[in-house]
N, C-alpha and C. Protein backbone atom coordinates (compact mmCIF):
# COMPACT_ATOMS: atom_id res chain seq x y z
N MET A 1 0.82 -1.19 0.00
CA MET A 1 0.00 0.00 0.00
C MET A 1 0.86 1.26 0.00
N LYS A 2 1.90 1.28 0.84
CA LYS A 2 2.75 2.46 0.92
C LYS A 2 3.47 2.71 -0.41
N ASP A 3 3.84 1.65 -1.13
CA ASP A 3 4.48 1.83 -2.43
C ASP A 3 3.52 2.49 -3.42
N GLN A 4 2.27 2.09 -3.38
CA GLN A 4 1.28 2.69 -4.27
C GLN A 4 1.10 4.17 -3.94
N ARG A 5 1.04 4.51 -2.68
CA ARG A 5 0.90 5.90 -2.25
C ARG A 5 2.09 6.72 -2.75
N PHE A 6 3.28 6.19 -2.55
CA PHE A 6 4.49 6.88 -3.00
C PHE A 6 4.45 7.09 -4.51
N ARG A 7 4.07 6.06 -5.26
CA ARG A 7 4.00 6.18 -6.72
C ARG A 7 2.99 7.24 -7.14
N GLN A 8 1.84 7.27 -6.48
CA GLN A 8 0.83 8.28 -6.80
C GLN A 8 1.37 9.69 -6.52
N GLN A 9 2.00 9.86 -5.39
CA GLN A 9 2.56 11.16 -5.04
C GLN A 9 3.62 11.59 -6.04
N PHE A 10 4.50 10.66 -6.37
CA PHE A 10 5.59 11.03 -7.28
C PHE A 10 5.08 11.25 -8.70
N ASN A 11 4.10 10.48 -9.12
CA ASN A 11 3.50 10.71 -10.45
C ASN A 11 2.88 12.10 -10.53
N PHE A 12 2.23 12.54 -9.45
CA PHE A 12 1.67 13.88 -9.41
C PHE A 12 2.78 14.93 -9.50
N ILE A 13 3.85 14.71 -8.75
CA ILE A 13 4.98 15.65 -8.77
C ILE A 13 5.56 15.78 -10.18
N ILE A 14 5.69 14.66 -10.88
CA ILE A 14 6.19 14.70 -12.26
C ILE A 14 5.18 15.39 -13.18
N GLU A 15 3.90 15.12 -12.98
CA GLU A 15 2.85 15.72 -13.82
C GLU A 15 2.81 17.23 -13.69
N ILE A 16 2.96 17.73 -12.45
CA ILE A 16 2.85 19.18 -12.27
C ILE A 16 4.07 19.94 -12.78
N ASP A 17 5.11 19.22 -13.18
CA ASP A 17 6.25 19.88 -13.85
C ASP A 17 5.76 20.62 -15.09
N LYS A 18 4.66 20.15 -15.66
CA LYS A 18 4.10 20.78 -16.87
C LYS A 18 3.66 22.23 -16.63
N LEU A 19 3.44 22.59 -15.36
CA LEU A 19 3.04 23.97 -15.07
C LEU A 19 4.13 24.96 -15.46
N LYS A 20 5.37 24.49 -15.49
CA LYS A 20 6.49 25.35 -15.89
C LYS A 20 6.42 25.73 -17.38
N SER A 21 5.62 24.99 -18.15
CA SER A 21 5.49 25.25 -19.59
C SER A 21 4.27 26.09 -19.93
N ILE A 22 3.48 26.47 -18.95
CA ILE A 22 2.27 27.26 -19.21
C ILE A 22 2.66 28.73 -19.15
N ALA A 23 2.72 29.36 -20.31
CA ALA A 23 3.10 30.78 -20.39
C ALA A 23 1.88 31.66 -20.10
N ARG A 24 2.07 32.61 -19.24
CA ARG A 24 1.04 33.58 -18.91
C ARG A 24 1.19 34.80 -19.84
N GLN A 25 0.20 35.67 -19.83
CA GLN A 25 0.27 36.88 -20.65
C GLN A 25 1.24 37.90 -20.05
N THR A 26 1.40 37.87 -18.74
CA THR A 26 2.22 38.83 -18.03
C THR A 26 3.70 38.58 -18.27
N LEU A 27 4.44 39.66 -18.50
CA LEU A 27 5.89 39.56 -18.62
C LEU A 27 6.52 39.56 -17.24
N ILE A 28 7.72 38.97 -17.14
CA ILE A 28 8.48 39.16 -15.91
C ILE A 28 8.92 40.63 -15.89
N VAL A 29 9.28 41.12 -14.73
CA VAL A 29 9.48 42.56 -14.55
C VAL A 29 10.55 43.15 -15.48
N ASP A 30 11.57 42.38 -15.83
CA ASP A 30 12.58 42.96 -16.73
C ASP A 30 12.10 43.01 -18.19
N GLY A 31 10.91 42.47 -18.46
CA GLY A 31 10.32 42.55 -19.79
C GLY A 31 10.91 41.60 -20.82
N SER A 32 11.78 40.70 -20.39
CA SER A 32 12.50 39.85 -21.34
C SER A 32 11.70 38.66 -21.86
N ARG A 33 10.67 38.23 -21.11
CA ARG A 33 9.88 37.07 -21.53
C ARG A 33 8.60 37.00 -20.73
N ARG A 34 7.71 36.12 -21.17
CA ARG A 34 6.48 35.88 -20.43
C ARG A 34 6.77 35.00 -19.21
N GLU A 35 6.06 35.28 -18.16
CA GLU A 35 6.15 34.50 -16.94
C GLU A 35 5.44 33.16 -17.15
N ASN A 36 5.89 32.10 -16.48
CA ASN A 36 5.14 30.86 -16.53
C ASN A 36 4.34 30.70 -15.24
N SER A 37 3.37 29.81 -15.27
CA SER A 37 2.44 29.67 -14.15
C SER A 37 3.10 29.15 -12.87
N ALA A 38 4.14 28.33 -13.01
CA ALA A 38 4.85 27.85 -11.82
C ALA A 38 5.58 29.00 -11.14
N GLU A 39 6.21 29.86 -11.91
CA GLU A 39 6.88 31.03 -11.35
C GLU A 39 5.88 31.94 -10.64
N HIS A 40 4.75 32.13 -11.28
CA HIS A 40 3.69 32.97 -10.71
C HIS A 40 3.24 32.42 -9.35
N SER A 41 3.02 31.13 -9.26
CA SER A 41 2.56 30.51 -8.01
C SER A 41 3.60 30.66 -6.90
N TRP A 42 4.85 30.42 -7.23
CA TRP A 42 5.93 30.58 -6.25
C TRP A 42 6.00 32.02 -5.77
N HIS A 43 5.94 32.96 -6.70
CA HIS A 43 6.05 34.37 -6.38
C HIS A 43 4.92 34.80 -5.43
N LEU A 44 3.71 34.34 -5.72
CA LEU A 44 2.56 34.66 -4.87
C LEU A 44 2.69 34.06 -3.48
N ALA A 45 3.17 32.84 -3.39
CA ALA A 45 3.31 32.17 -2.09
C ALA A 45 4.28 32.95 -1.19
N LEU A 46 5.38 33.41 -1.75
CA LEU A 46 6.33 34.21 -0.98
C LEU A 46 5.73 35.57 -0.64
N MET A 47 5.01 36.16 -1.58
CA MET A 47 4.35 37.44 -1.34
C MET A 47 3.35 37.34 -0.19
N ALA A 48 2.61 36.24 -0.13
CA ALA A 48 1.63 36.03 0.93
C ALA A 48 2.27 36.08 2.31
N ILE A 49 3.45 35.50 2.42
CA ILE A 49 4.17 35.49 3.69
C ILE A 49 4.69 36.88 4.03
N LEU A 50 5.32 37.52 3.05
CA LEU A 50 5.95 38.81 3.29
C LEU A 50 4.96 39.94 3.56
N MET A 51 3.79 39.89 2.95
CA MET A 51 2.81 40.98 3.05
C MET A 51 1.71 40.70 4.08
N LEU A 52 1.85 39.64 4.84
CA LEU A 52 0.81 39.22 5.77
C LEU A 52 0.39 40.32 6.76
N GLU A 53 1.32 41.16 7.14
CA GLU A 53 1.01 42.21 8.11
C GLU A 53 0.01 43.24 7.57
N HIS A 54 -0.27 43.21 6.28
CA HIS A 54 -1.18 44.18 5.66
C HIS A 54 -2.61 43.66 5.49
N VAL A 55 -2.89 42.47 6.02
CA VAL A 55 -4.25 41.92 5.96
C VAL A 55 -5.13 42.68 6.95
N ASP A 56 -6.32 43.04 6.52
CA ASP A 56 -7.29 43.66 7.43
C ASP A 56 -7.98 42.58 8.26
N GLY A 57 -8.29 42.91 9.50
CA GLY A 57 -9.20 42.10 10.29
C GLY A 57 -8.68 40.84 10.94
N GLY A 58 -7.44 40.80 11.32
CA GLY A 58 -7.03 39.66 12.12
C GLY A 58 -6.10 38.69 11.43
N GLU A 59 -5.92 37.57 12.11
CA GLU A 59 -4.95 36.57 11.67
C GLU A 59 -5.54 35.60 10.66
N LEU A 60 -4.66 35.07 9.85
CA LEU A 60 -5.02 34.06 8.85
C LEU A 60 -4.20 32.81 9.08
N ASP A 61 -4.67 31.72 8.55
CA ASP A 61 -3.89 30.48 8.51
C ASP A 61 -2.96 30.60 7.30
N ILE A 62 -1.75 31.11 7.54
CA ILE A 62 -0.83 31.40 6.44
C ILE A 62 -0.38 30.14 5.70
N LEU A 63 -0.26 29.02 6.40
CA LEU A 63 0.09 27.77 5.71
C LEU A 63 -1.00 27.41 4.70
N LYS A 64 -2.25 27.59 5.09
CA LYS A 64 -3.36 27.32 4.19
C LYS A 64 -3.30 28.23 2.96
N VAL A 65 -3.00 29.51 3.18
CA VAL A 65 -2.89 30.47 2.08
C VAL A 65 -1.77 30.05 1.13
N VAL A 66 -0.62 29.70 1.67
CA VAL A 66 0.52 29.29 0.84
C VAL A 66 0.17 28.05 0.03
N LYS A 67 -0.44 27.07 0.67
CA LYS A 67 -0.87 25.86 -0.06
C LYS A 67 -1.83 26.23 -1.19
N MET A 68 -2.78 27.10 -0.87
CA MET A 68 -3.78 27.53 -1.84
C MET A 68 -3.11 28.18 -3.06
N LEU A 69 -2.14 29.04 -2.80
CA LEU A 69 -1.46 29.73 -3.89
C LEU A 69 -0.58 28.78 -4.70
N LEU A 70 -0.02 27.79 -4.04
CA LEU A 70 0.81 26.83 -4.77
C LEU A 70 -0.01 25.90 -5.66
N VAL A 71 -1.29 25.71 -5.34
CA VAL A 71 -2.12 24.80 -6.16
C VAL A 71 -3.13 25.52 -7.05
N HIS A 72 -3.33 26.83 -6.86
CA HIS A 72 -4.46 27.50 -7.52
C HIS A 72 -4.42 27.47 -9.04
N ASP A 73 -3.24 27.37 -9.62
CA ASP A 73 -3.14 27.36 -11.09
C ASP A 73 -2.75 26.01 -11.67
N ILE A 74 -2.68 24.98 -10.87
CA ILE A 74 -2.32 23.65 -11.38
C ILE A 74 -3.27 23.21 -12.49
N VAL A 75 -4.53 23.62 -12.39
CA VAL A 75 -5.51 23.23 -13.41
C VAL A 75 -5.13 23.74 -14.80
N GLU A 76 -4.27 24.74 -14.87
CA GLU A 76 -3.85 25.28 -16.17
C GLU A 76 -3.06 24.26 -16.99
N ILE A 77 -2.56 23.23 -16.35
CA ILE A 77 -1.86 22.17 -17.09
C ILE A 77 -2.78 21.60 -18.17
N ASP A 78 -4.05 21.37 -17.82
CA ASP A 78 -5.02 20.85 -18.78
C ASP A 78 -5.86 21.96 -19.41
N ALA A 79 -6.22 22.96 -18.61
CA ALA A 79 -7.18 23.97 -19.07
C ALA A 79 -6.52 25.15 -19.77
N GLY A 80 -5.21 25.29 -19.62
CA GLY A 80 -4.51 26.43 -20.20
C GLY A 80 -4.70 27.68 -19.36
N ASP A 81 -3.85 28.66 -19.62
CA ASP A 81 -3.97 29.95 -18.93
C ASP A 81 -5.05 30.76 -19.63
N VAL A 82 -5.93 31.33 -18.85
CA VAL A 82 -6.98 32.18 -19.40
C VAL A 82 -6.59 33.62 -19.11
N PHE A 83 -6.63 34.44 -20.14
CA PHE A 83 -6.29 35.84 -19.99
C PHE A 83 -7.23 36.49 -18.97
N ALA A 84 -6.67 37.25 -18.07
CA ALA A 84 -7.42 37.83 -16.95
C ALA A 84 -8.64 38.64 -17.38
N TYR A 85 -8.59 39.24 -18.55
CA TYR A 85 -9.69 40.10 -18.98
C TYR A 85 -10.62 39.42 -19.98
N GLU A 86 -10.47 38.10 -20.11
CA GLU A 86 -11.34 37.32 -20.99
C GLU A 86 -12.73 37.24 -20.39
N GLU A 87 -13.74 37.23 -21.23
CA GLU A 87 -15.12 37.34 -20.77
C GLU A 87 -15.82 36.01 -20.46
N ASN A 88 -15.51 34.92 -21.16
CA ASN A 88 -16.29 33.69 -21.08
C ASN A 88 -15.92 32.85 -19.85
N ASP A 89 -16.47 33.21 -18.70
CA ASP A 89 -16.16 32.52 -17.45
C ASP A 89 -16.73 31.11 -17.37
N GLN A 90 -17.90 30.88 -17.94
CA GLN A 90 -18.54 29.56 -17.84
C GLN A 90 -17.70 28.49 -18.52
N GLU A 91 -17.22 28.78 -19.71
CA GLU A 91 -16.38 27.82 -20.44
C GLU A 91 -15.09 27.55 -19.67
N ARG A 92 -14.48 28.59 -19.14
CA ARG A 92 -13.26 28.44 -18.35
C ARG A 92 -13.52 27.58 -17.12
N GLU A 93 -14.61 27.85 -16.41
CA GLU A 93 -14.94 27.09 -15.20
C GLU A 93 -15.12 25.61 -15.51
N THR A 94 -15.76 25.29 -16.60
CA THR A 94 -15.97 23.89 -17.00
C THR A 94 -14.64 23.21 -17.27
N ARG A 95 -13.77 23.86 -18.04
CA ARG A 95 -12.45 23.29 -18.35
C ARG A 95 -11.62 23.09 -17.08
N GLU A 96 -11.64 24.10 -16.21
CA GLU A 96 -10.82 24.03 -15.00
C GLU A 96 -11.35 22.98 -14.02
N ASP A 97 -12.65 22.85 -13.92
CA ASP A 97 -13.22 21.84 -13.03
C ASP A 97 -12.81 20.43 -13.48
N LYS A 98 -12.90 20.19 -14.78
CA LYS A 98 -12.49 18.89 -15.34
C LYS A 98 -11.00 18.64 -15.08
N ALA A 99 -10.19 19.67 -15.26
CA ALA A 99 -8.75 19.55 -15.03
C ALA A 99 -8.46 19.25 -13.56
N ALA A 100 -9.16 19.93 -12.65
CA ALA A 100 -8.95 19.72 -11.21
C ALA A 100 -9.23 18.27 -10.84
N LYS A 101 -10.31 17.74 -11.38
CA LYS A 101 -10.67 16.35 -11.05
C LYS A 101 -9.63 15.36 -11.57
N ARG A 102 -9.07 15.62 -12.73
CA ARG A 102 -8.04 14.71 -13.24
C ARG A 102 -6.73 14.86 -12.47
N LEU A 103 -6.28 16.08 -12.32
CA LEU A 103 -4.95 16.31 -11.77
C LEU A 103 -4.84 16.01 -10.28
N PHE A 104 -5.72 16.56 -9.48
CA PHE A 104 -5.62 16.34 -8.04
C PHE A 104 -5.83 14.88 -7.67
N TYR A 105 -6.65 14.18 -8.45
CA TYR A 105 -6.95 12.79 -8.11
C TYR A 105 -5.93 11.80 -8.65
N LEU A 106 -4.79 12.33 -9.12
CA LEU A 106 -3.62 11.48 -9.35
C LEU A 106 -3.01 11.11 -7.99
N LEU A 107 -3.27 11.94 -6.99
CA LEU A 107 -2.74 11.74 -5.65
C LEU A 107 -3.55 10.71 -4.87
N PRO A 108 -3.00 10.22 -3.75
CA PRO A 108 -3.80 9.41 -2.84
C PRO A 108 -5.02 10.22 -2.40
N SER A 109 -6.11 9.55 -2.10
CA SER A 109 -7.40 10.23 -1.90
C SER A 109 -7.37 11.31 -0.82
N ASP A 110 -6.66 11.11 0.27
CA ASP A 110 -6.64 12.15 1.32
C ASP A 110 -5.98 13.43 0.83
N GLN A 111 -4.87 13.29 0.12
CA GLN A 111 -4.18 14.46 -0.41
C GLN A 111 -4.95 15.07 -1.58
N ALA A 112 -5.54 14.23 -2.39
CA ALA A 112 -6.35 14.72 -3.51
C ALA A 112 -7.49 15.58 -3.00
N GLU A 113 -8.18 15.09 -1.98
CA GLU A 113 -9.30 15.85 -1.40
C GLU A 113 -8.83 17.18 -0.82
N GLU A 114 -7.73 17.15 -0.11
CA GLU A 114 -7.22 18.39 0.50
C GLU A 114 -6.90 19.43 -0.56
N LEU A 115 -6.13 19.05 -1.58
CA LEU A 115 -5.72 20.02 -2.60
C LEU A 115 -6.92 20.48 -3.44
N HIS A 116 -7.81 19.54 -3.74
CA HIS A 116 -9.00 19.92 -4.51
C HIS A 116 -9.83 20.92 -3.71
N GLN A 117 -10.01 20.68 -2.42
CA GLN A 117 -10.78 21.60 -1.57
C GLN A 117 -10.12 22.96 -1.48
N LEU A 118 -8.80 23.00 -1.41
CA LEU A 118 -8.09 24.29 -1.39
C LEU A 118 -8.34 25.06 -2.68
N TRP A 119 -8.31 24.34 -3.81
CA TRP A 119 -8.57 24.98 -5.10
C TRP A 119 -10.01 25.51 -5.16
N VAL A 120 -10.97 24.71 -4.72
CA VAL A 120 -12.38 25.13 -4.71
C VAL A 120 -12.55 26.36 -3.81
N GLU A 121 -11.92 26.34 -2.66
CA GLU A 121 -12.00 27.47 -1.72
C GLU A 121 -11.42 28.74 -2.33
N PHE A 122 -10.28 28.60 -3.01
CA PHE A 122 -9.67 29.75 -3.68
C PHE A 122 -10.63 30.33 -4.71
N GLU A 123 -11.21 29.47 -5.52
CA GLU A 123 -12.11 29.92 -6.59
C GLU A 123 -13.37 30.59 -6.02
N ALA A 124 -13.88 30.10 -4.89
CA ALA A 124 -15.11 30.65 -4.30
C ALA A 124 -14.87 32.00 -3.63
N ARG A 125 -13.68 32.21 -3.14
CA ARG A 125 -13.28 33.48 -2.53
C ARG A 125 -14.22 33.92 -1.40
N GLN A 126 -14.56 32.99 -0.52
CA GLN A 126 -15.47 33.29 0.59
C GLN A 126 -14.77 33.39 1.94
N THR A 127 -13.68 32.67 2.13
CA THR A 127 -12.98 32.67 3.41
C THR A 127 -11.92 33.78 3.43
N PRO A 128 -11.51 34.21 4.63
CA PRO A 128 -10.44 35.23 4.70
C PRO A 128 -9.17 34.78 3.98
N GLU A 129 -8.83 33.50 4.08
CA GLU A 129 -7.62 32.99 3.41
C GLU A 129 -7.76 33.07 1.90
N ALA A 130 -8.91 32.70 1.38
CA ALA A 130 -9.12 32.75 -0.07
C ALA A 130 -9.16 34.18 -0.58
N LYS A 131 -9.73 35.07 0.20
CA LYS A 131 -9.76 36.49 -0.20
C LYS A 131 -8.35 37.07 -0.24
N TRP A 132 -7.53 36.71 0.75
CA TRP A 132 -6.15 37.18 0.77
C TRP A 132 -5.38 36.63 -0.43
N ALA A 133 -5.53 35.35 -0.68
CA ALA A 133 -4.85 34.73 -1.82
C ALA A 133 -5.28 35.38 -3.13
N ALA A 134 -6.57 35.60 -3.29
CA ALA A 134 -7.09 36.22 -4.52
C ALA A 134 -6.60 37.66 -4.67
N SER A 135 -6.52 38.37 -3.56
CA SER A 135 -6.02 39.75 -3.61
C SER A 135 -4.60 39.80 -4.16
N LEU A 136 -3.77 38.91 -3.67
CA LEU A 136 -2.39 38.87 -4.14
C LEU A 136 -2.31 38.43 -5.60
N ASP A 137 -3.19 37.49 -5.97
CA ASP A 137 -3.25 36.99 -7.35
C ASP A 137 -3.64 38.11 -8.32
N ARG A 138 -4.30 39.13 -7.84
CA ARG A 138 -4.65 40.29 -8.67
C ARG A 138 -3.55 41.36 -8.62
N LEU A 139 -3.02 41.59 -7.41
CA LEU A 139 -2.05 42.68 -7.24
C LEU A 139 -0.73 42.42 -7.96
N LEU A 140 -0.23 41.20 -7.90
CA LEU A 140 1.08 40.93 -8.50
C LEU A 140 1.08 41.18 -10.01
N PRO A 141 0.13 40.66 -10.78
CA PRO A 141 0.13 40.97 -12.22
C PRO A 141 -0.09 42.46 -12.51
N LEU A 142 -0.86 43.13 -11.65
CA LEU A 142 -1.06 44.58 -11.79
C LEU A 142 0.30 45.29 -11.69
N ALA A 143 1.06 44.94 -10.66
CA ALA A 143 2.37 45.55 -10.46
C ALA A 143 3.33 45.19 -11.59
N GLN A 144 3.26 43.94 -12.06
CA GLN A 144 4.13 43.52 -13.16
C GLN A 144 3.78 44.26 -14.45
N ASN A 145 2.49 44.42 -14.71
CA ASN A 145 2.08 45.17 -15.90
C ASN A 145 2.56 46.61 -15.84
N TYR A 146 2.44 47.22 -14.69
CA TYR A 146 2.92 48.59 -14.53
C TYR A 146 4.43 48.66 -14.76
N ALA A 147 5.16 47.71 -14.16
CA ALA A 147 6.63 47.70 -14.27
C ALA A 147 7.11 47.48 -15.70
N THR A 148 6.28 46.86 -16.53
CA THR A 148 6.68 46.60 -17.93
C THR A 148 6.04 47.61 -18.89
N GLY A 149 5.71 48.78 -18.37
CA GLY A 149 5.17 49.84 -19.22
C GLY A 149 3.77 49.56 -19.73
N GLY A 150 3.01 48.79 -18.98
CA GLY A 150 1.63 48.49 -19.38
C GLY A 150 1.54 47.50 -20.52
N TYR A 151 2.55 46.66 -20.65
CA TYR A 151 2.66 45.75 -21.80
C TYR A 151 1.35 45.04 -22.15
N THR A 152 0.79 44.29 -21.20
CA THR A 152 -0.41 43.51 -21.50
C THR A 152 -1.62 44.41 -21.73
N TRP A 153 -1.74 45.47 -20.94
CA TRP A 153 -2.87 46.39 -21.11
C TRP A 153 -2.84 47.02 -22.50
N LYS A 154 -1.65 47.41 -22.93
CA LYS A 154 -1.53 48.03 -24.26
C LYS A 154 -1.78 47.00 -25.37
N LYS A 155 -1.18 45.83 -25.22
CA LYS A 155 -1.30 44.79 -26.25
C LYS A 155 -2.76 44.43 -26.52
N TYR A 156 -3.57 44.35 -25.45
CA TYR A 156 -4.96 43.92 -25.59
C TYR A 156 -5.97 45.07 -25.46
N HIS A 157 -5.47 46.30 -25.48
CA HIS A 157 -6.33 47.49 -25.45
C HIS A 157 -7.29 47.47 -24.26
N ILE A 158 -6.73 47.31 -23.08
CA ILE A 158 -7.52 47.22 -21.85
C ILE A 158 -7.74 48.62 -21.28
N SER A 159 -8.97 48.88 -20.89
CA SER A 159 -9.31 50.20 -20.35
C SER A 159 -9.03 50.27 -18.84
N ARG A 160 -8.91 51.48 -18.36
CA ARG A 160 -8.75 51.72 -16.93
C ARG A 160 -9.92 51.12 -16.14
N ASP A 161 -11.14 51.30 -16.66
CA ASP A 161 -12.32 50.77 -15.97
C ASP A 161 -12.25 49.25 -15.80
N LYS A 162 -11.78 48.57 -16.84
CA LYS A 162 -11.66 47.10 -16.74
C LYS A 162 -10.62 46.70 -15.70
N VAL A 163 -9.54 47.46 -15.63
CA VAL A 163 -8.48 47.16 -14.67
C VAL A 163 -9.00 47.38 -13.24
N ILE A 164 -9.73 48.46 -13.04
CA ILE A 164 -10.30 48.72 -11.72
C ILE A 164 -11.29 47.61 -11.35
N GLN A 165 -12.16 47.28 -12.28
CA GLN A 165 -13.17 46.24 -12.02
C GLN A 165 -12.50 44.91 -11.66
N ARG A 166 -11.50 44.53 -12.40
CA ARG A 166 -10.80 43.25 -12.17
C ARG A 166 -10.11 43.22 -10.81
N ASN A 167 -9.58 44.36 -10.40
CA ASN A 167 -8.72 44.38 -9.21
C ASN A 167 -9.41 44.83 -7.94
N GLN A 168 -10.68 45.15 -7.98
CA GLN A 168 -11.40 45.55 -6.77
C GLN A 168 -11.40 44.46 -5.70
N VAL A 169 -11.18 43.24 -6.12
CA VAL A 169 -11.07 42.11 -5.19
C VAL A 169 -10.05 42.40 -4.08
N ILE A 170 -9.03 43.16 -4.41
CA ILE A 170 -7.96 43.44 -3.45
C ILE A 170 -8.50 44.08 -2.18
N GLN A 171 -9.49 44.95 -2.32
CA GLN A 171 -10.01 45.65 -1.15
C GLN A 171 -10.78 44.74 -0.19
N GLU A 172 -11.10 43.52 -0.63
CA GLU A 172 -11.79 42.57 0.25
C GLU A 172 -10.92 42.10 1.41
N SER A 173 -9.61 42.24 1.27
CA SER A 173 -8.74 41.75 2.34
C SER A 173 -7.72 42.76 2.85
N SER A 174 -7.49 43.84 2.11
CA SER A 174 -6.45 44.75 2.56
C SER A 174 -6.67 46.18 2.05
N THR A 175 -6.96 47.08 2.97
CA THR A 175 -7.08 48.49 2.64
C THR A 175 -5.75 49.02 2.13
N ARG A 176 -4.67 48.62 2.76
CA ARG A 176 -3.32 49.09 2.38
C ARG A 176 -2.97 48.67 0.96
N LEU A 177 -3.21 47.40 0.64
CA LEU A 177 -2.87 46.94 -0.72
C LEU A 177 -3.79 47.55 -1.77
N TRP A 178 -5.06 47.79 -1.40
CA TRP A 178 -5.97 48.42 -2.35
C TRP A 178 -5.53 49.86 -2.64
N LYS A 179 -5.07 50.58 -1.64
CA LYS A 179 -4.56 51.94 -1.87
C LYS A 179 -3.35 51.89 -2.80
N TYR A 180 -2.49 50.91 -2.57
CA TYR A 180 -1.32 50.76 -3.44
C TYR A 180 -1.74 50.43 -4.87
N ALA A 181 -2.70 49.53 -5.02
CA ALA A 181 -3.20 49.18 -6.35
C ALA A 181 -3.79 50.40 -7.05
N GLN A 182 -4.55 51.20 -6.31
CA GLN A 182 -5.13 52.41 -6.89
C GLN A 182 -4.05 53.39 -7.34
N SER A 183 -2.97 53.49 -6.58
CA SER A 183 -1.87 54.38 -6.97
C SER A 183 -1.20 53.89 -8.25
N ILE A 184 -1.08 52.58 -8.39
CA ILE A 184 -0.51 52.02 -9.62
C ILE A 184 -1.43 52.33 -10.80
N ILE A 185 -2.72 52.13 -10.61
CA ILE A 185 -3.69 52.38 -11.69
C ILE A 185 -3.68 53.85 -12.08
N ASP A 186 -3.65 54.74 -11.10
CA ASP A 186 -3.61 56.18 -11.38
C ASP A 186 -2.37 56.56 -12.17
N GLU A 187 -1.22 56.05 -11.74
CA GLU A 187 0.03 56.37 -12.44
C GLU A 187 0.05 55.77 -13.85
N ALA A 188 -0.45 54.55 -13.98
CA ALA A 188 -0.52 53.91 -15.31
C ALA A 188 -1.43 54.71 -16.24
N SER A 189 -2.50 55.24 -15.69
CA SER A 189 -3.42 56.07 -16.47
C SER A 189 -2.73 57.35 -16.94
N THR A 190 -2.00 57.98 -16.03
CA THR A 190 -1.25 59.20 -16.36
C THR A 190 -0.24 58.93 -17.47
N ARG A 191 0.36 57.75 -17.44
CA ARG A 191 1.37 57.40 -18.44
C ARG A 191 0.78 56.89 -19.76
N GLY A 192 -0.53 56.78 -19.81
CA GLY A 192 -1.18 56.36 -21.05
C GLY A 192 -1.12 54.87 -21.33
N TYR A 193 -1.09 54.06 -20.30
CA TYR A 193 -1.00 52.61 -20.47
C TYR A 193 -2.34 51.96 -20.81
N PHE A 194 -3.44 52.69 -20.62
CA PHE A 194 -4.77 52.10 -20.84
C PHE A 194 -5.39 52.61 -22.13
N SER A 195 -6.25 51.80 -22.67
CA SER A 195 -7.01 52.18 -23.85
C SER A 195 -8.16 53.10 -23.41
N ARG A 196 -8.60 53.93 -24.29
CA ARG A 196 -9.68 54.89 -23.95
C ARG A 196 -11.03 54.26 -24.13
């Protein structure tokens, strides 16, 4: 039994290596290439730890947040990365749900259930941990877009209103981070990074 468990765990570990090949729309800060989803997840997990003092309303289970951020994009292995400003959420949700069921259930059932539940919780954005994770998942690409001269916003003709609408999630968990996000949006607007 233990050998089977080990094989399932290791097969999952090998399978999720594919996340390193999923290119996101966002460039890395130096502008030299697109970020991959594994880099994004790692970056967010570290950000969650470092910025924890800026959460509104009390303490969080930071280990849960880190786990959530490390697994939140694993579904992209099968479902692909969906551009943040894409409109068709129902189709994306269907693809991602199918991917979650295949990928997480490569693991032994106890671990599969845990990771799947963390992913579901992240997507639902109802708990303080999920709200914090989602806030960071919005703020980091916002900051990266700003740092690269509005690359993605310009490429896809994204308006200021769409950026504000997408990123309002940040205020659900942190007044400080929302003020910072607003300052980025204001400066990006002044610099002409948004479509009219």
